[in-house]
Structures are given as structure tokens and as C-alpha cells.
Amino acid sequence: METETKTKITALERTTLEDIAYSDHSSDGQGHGAWIDEMYFRVPMRQLRGVITSLQNKGIVGTDHWT
């Protein structure tokens, strides 16, 4: 039997995850996704970059790089 592990998140991480979940890009049936643009997030962009990195390091989110 697998044991469940819990990952602690900060208030800014929670706000960011909520913003991703409630974005219009998350309703297309392809999983949760969001454009990284200031207009979609309540967290200021300078902080958002750090929050996304922290969520990646915790294994909570992944990113696709579009160039």
C-alpha cells in the first residue's frame, strides 16, 4: 500500500494554483494550464516567477516552453 505524502504550500503558492485553476485556459479539457501574463494572476510578476519555480521544485506543476 502506498503511503500518502503531503506537500506544504505557501499562501502565494495557493493563490497561484487557484489563479491557474480558474483561468479560462483550464477549461479546455487538456488539464490545468495558464499563460504567464500579469493580467491572469493576482500575484505580482516578480513574485510569480519565484512561486512557479517553487511549485516546480515541489513537483506540483510542470511547464511547457513555447518559443
N, C-alpha and C. Protein backbone atom coordinates (compact mmCIF):
# COMPACT_ATOMS: atom_id res chain seq x y z
N MET A 1 0.83 -1.18 0.00
CA MET A 1 0.00 0.00 0.00
C MET A 1 0.88 1.25 0.00
N GLU A 2 0.55 2.18 -0.87
CA GLU A 2 1.32 3.41 -0.95
C GLU A 2 0.94 4.34 0.20
N THR A 3 1.94 5.01 0.72
CA THR A 3 1.65 5.99 1.76
C THR A 3 1.47 7.35 1.10
N GLU A 4 0.54 8.10 1.61
CA GLU A 4 0.24 9.42 1.06
C GLU A 4 1.20 10.43 1.67
N THR A 5 1.80 11.23 0.83
CA THR A 5 2.66 12.29 1.32
C THR A 5 1.98 13.63 1.08
N LYS A 6 2.17 14.52 1.99
CA LYS A 6 1.59 15.85 1.88
C LYS A 6 2.70 16.85 1.65
N THR A 7 2.46 17.75 0.71
CA THR A 7 3.41 18.81 0.42
C THR A 7 2.82 20.12 0.92
N LYS A 8 3.57 20.81 1.73
CA LYS A 8 3.10 22.09 2.25
C LYS A 8 3.31 23.17 1.19
N ILE A 9 2.32 24.06 1.07
CA ILE A 9 2.44 25.17 0.14
C ILE A 9 2.21 26.47 0.90
N THR A 10 2.77 27.53 0.37
CA THR A 10 2.62 28.85 0.97
C THR A 10 1.32 29.49 0.49
N ALA A 11 0.96 30.59 1.11
CA ALA A 11 -0.25 31.32 0.70
C ALA A 11 -0.12 31.81 -0.75
N LEU A 12 1.06 32.28 -1.13
CA LEU A 12 1.26 32.73 -2.52
C LEU A 12 1.15 31.58 -3.50
N GLU A 13 1.66 30.42 -3.12
CA GLU A 13 1.53 29.24 -3.99
C GLU A 13 0.06 28.84 -4.14
N ARG A 14 -0.68 28.90 -3.06
CA ARG A 14 -2.11 28.57 -3.13
C ARG A 14 -2.85 29.56 -4.03
N THR A 15 -2.56 30.84 -3.88
CA THR A 15 -3.20 31.85 -4.72
C THR A 15 -2.88 31.60 -6.19
N THR A 16 -1.64 31.26 -6.48
CA THR A 16 -1.22 31.00 -7.85
C THR A 16 -1.94 29.77 -8.40
N LEU A 17 -2.02 28.70 -7.62
CA LEU A 17 -2.72 27.50 -8.07
C LEU A 17 -4.20 27.78 -8.31
N GLU A 18 -4.80 28.60 -7.47
CA GLU A 18 -6.20 28.99 -7.69
C GLU A 18 -6.34 29.78 -9.00
N ASP A 19 -5.42 30.70 -9.23
CA ASP A 19 -5.48 31.50 -10.46
C ASP A 19 -5.34 30.62 -11.70
N ILE A 20 -4.48 29.62 -11.62
CA ILE A 20 -4.33 28.69 -12.75
C ILE A 20 -5.62 27.89 -12.93
N ALA A 21 -6.16 27.39 -11.83
CA ALA A 21 -7.36 26.56 -11.91
C ALA A 21 -8.56 27.34 -12.44
N TYR A 22 -8.66 28.61 -12.11
CA TYR A 22 -9.81 29.41 -12.52
C TYR A 22 -9.61 30.16 -13.83
N SER A 23 -8.46 29.98 -14.47
CA SER A 23 -8.23 30.68 -15.73
C SER A 23 -9.04 30.03 -16.85
N ASP A 24 -9.33 30.78 -17.87
CA ASP A 24 -10.11 30.24 -18.99
C ASP A 24 -9.34 29.18 -19.76
N HIS A 25 -8.04 29.10 -19.59
CA HIS A 25 -7.23 28.09 -20.29
C HIS A 25 -7.33 26.72 -19.62
N SER A 26 -7.90 26.67 -18.42
CA SER A 26 -8.02 25.40 -17.70
C SER A 26 -9.31 24.67 -18.02
N SER A 27 -10.17 25.28 -18.80
CA SER A 27 -11.47 24.67 -19.06
C SER A 27 -11.54 24.00 -20.43
N ASP A 28 -10.40 23.80 -21.08
CA ASP A 28 -10.42 23.23 -22.42
C ASP A 28 -10.31 21.70 -22.44
N GLY A 29 -10.29 21.09 -21.26
CA GLY A 29 -10.23 19.63 -21.18
C GLY A 29 -8.83 19.05 -21.31
N GLN A 30 -7.82 19.89 -21.37
CA GLN A 30 -6.44 19.43 -21.53
C GLN A 30 -5.64 19.56 -20.24
N GLY A 31 -6.32 19.64 -19.11
CA GLY A 31 -5.63 19.82 -17.84
C GLY A 31 -5.55 21.30 -17.50
N HIS A 32 -4.98 21.57 -16.38
CA HIS A 32 -4.86 22.97 -15.96
C HIS A 32 -3.69 23.62 -16.69
N GLY A 33 -3.94 24.76 -17.23
CA GLY A 33 -2.90 25.49 -17.93
C GLY A 33 -3.16 26.97 -17.80
N ALA A 34 -2.14 27.75 -17.96
CA ALA A 34 -2.29 29.20 -17.87
C ALA A 34 -1.18 29.87 -18.65
N TRP A 35 -1.51 30.98 -19.23
CA TRP A 35 -0.48 31.83 -19.83
C TRP A 35 0.16 32.60 -18.69
N ILE A 36 1.45 32.73 -18.72
CA ILE A 36 2.12 33.52 -17.69
C ILE A 36 2.10 34.97 -18.16
N ASP A 37 1.09 35.66 -17.70
CA ASP A 37 0.87 37.06 -18.05
C ASP A 37 0.26 37.72 -16.82
N GLU A 38 0.71 38.91 -16.53
CA GLU A 38 0.29 39.59 -15.31
C GLU A 38 -1.23 39.72 -15.18
N MET A 39 -1.91 39.82 -16.29
CA MET A 39 -3.36 40.04 -16.20
C MET A 39 -4.11 38.82 -15.68
N TYR A 40 -3.50 37.64 -15.69
CA TYR A 40 -4.17 36.42 -15.26
C TYR A 40 -3.90 36.08 -13.79
N PHE A 41 -3.00 36.77 -13.14
CA PHE A 41 -2.58 36.39 -11.79
C PHE A 41 -2.70 37.54 -10.81
N ARG A 42 -3.08 37.21 -9.59
CA ARG A 42 -3.15 38.21 -8.51
C ARG A 42 -1.79 38.45 -7.88
N VAL A 43 -0.86 37.55 -8.09
CA VAL A 43 0.49 37.70 -7.54
C VAL A 43 1.31 38.53 -8.52
N PRO A 44 2.05 39.53 -8.04
CA PRO A 44 2.89 40.34 -8.93
C PRO A 44 3.89 39.46 -9.70
N MET A 45 4.19 39.86 -10.92
CA MET A 45 5.02 39.05 -11.83
C MET A 45 6.38 38.70 -11.22
N ARG A 46 7.01 39.62 -10.54
CA ARG A 46 8.33 39.31 -9.95
C ARG A 46 8.22 38.17 -8.94
N GLN A 47 7.17 38.18 -8.15
CA GLN A 47 6.96 37.11 -7.19
C GLN A 47 6.48 35.84 -7.88
N LEU A 48 5.68 36.01 -8.90
CA LEU A 48 5.11 34.86 -9.61
C LEU A 48 6.19 33.95 -10.18
N ARG A 49 7.23 34.53 -10.72
CA ARG A 49 8.31 33.70 -11.28
C ARG A 49 8.92 32.81 -10.20
N GLY A 50 9.11 33.37 -9.02
CA GLY A 50 9.65 32.58 -7.91
C GLY A 50 8.67 31.54 -7.41
N VAL A 51 7.39 31.90 -7.37
CA VAL A 51 6.36 30.96 -6.92
C VAL A 51 6.26 29.78 -7.88
N ILE A 52 6.26 30.05 -9.19
CA ILE A 52 6.21 28.97 -10.18
C ILE A 52 7.42 28.05 -10.03
N THR A 53 8.59 28.63 -9.84
CA THR A 53 9.80 27.83 -9.65
C THR A 53 9.68 26.96 -8.40
N SER A 54 9.16 27.53 -7.33
CA SER A 54 8.97 26.77 -6.10
C SER A 54 7.99 25.61 -6.31
N LEU A 55 6.89 25.87 -7.02
CA LEU A 55 5.92 24.81 -7.30
C LEU A 55 6.51 23.72 -8.19
N GLN A 56 7.38 24.12 -9.11
CA GLN A 56 8.08 23.13 -9.95
C GLN A 56 8.99 22.27 -9.08
N ASN A 57 9.76 22.91 -8.21
CA ASN A 57 10.70 22.19 -7.36
C ASN A 57 10.00 21.21 -6.42
N LYS A 58 8.76 21.53 -6.05
CA LYS A 58 7.98 20.65 -5.19
C LYS A 58 7.27 19.57 -5.99
N GLY A 59 7.36 19.62 -7.32
CA GLY A 59 6.73 18.61 -8.16
C GLY A 59 5.24 18.81 -8.34
N ILE A 60 4.74 20.01 -8.07
CA ILE A 60 3.31 20.29 -8.16
C ILE A 60 2.92 20.72 -9.56
N VAL A 61 3.75 21.49 -10.22
CA VAL A 61 3.46 21.94 -11.58
C VAL A 61 4.64 21.64 -12.49
N GLY A 62 4.36 21.60 -13.76
CA GLY A 62 5.38 21.47 -14.79
C GLY A 62 5.15 22.60 -15.78
N THR A 63 6.09 22.81 -16.65
CA THR A 63 5.93 23.89 -17.62
C THR A 63 6.24 23.37 -19.02
N ASP A 64 5.59 23.98 -19.97
CA ASP A 64 5.93 23.80 -21.38
C ASP A 64 6.53 25.12 -21.84
N HIS A 65 7.60 25.05 -22.57
CA HIS A 65 8.24 26.27 -23.05
C HIS A 65 7.90 26.46 -24.51
N TRP A 66 7.14 27.48 -24.79
CA TRP A 66 6.78 27.81 -26.18
C TRP A 66 7.68 28.95 -26.63
N THR A 67 8.32 28.75 -27.75
CA THR A 67 9.19 29.83 -28.24
C THR A 67 8.69 30.34 -29.55
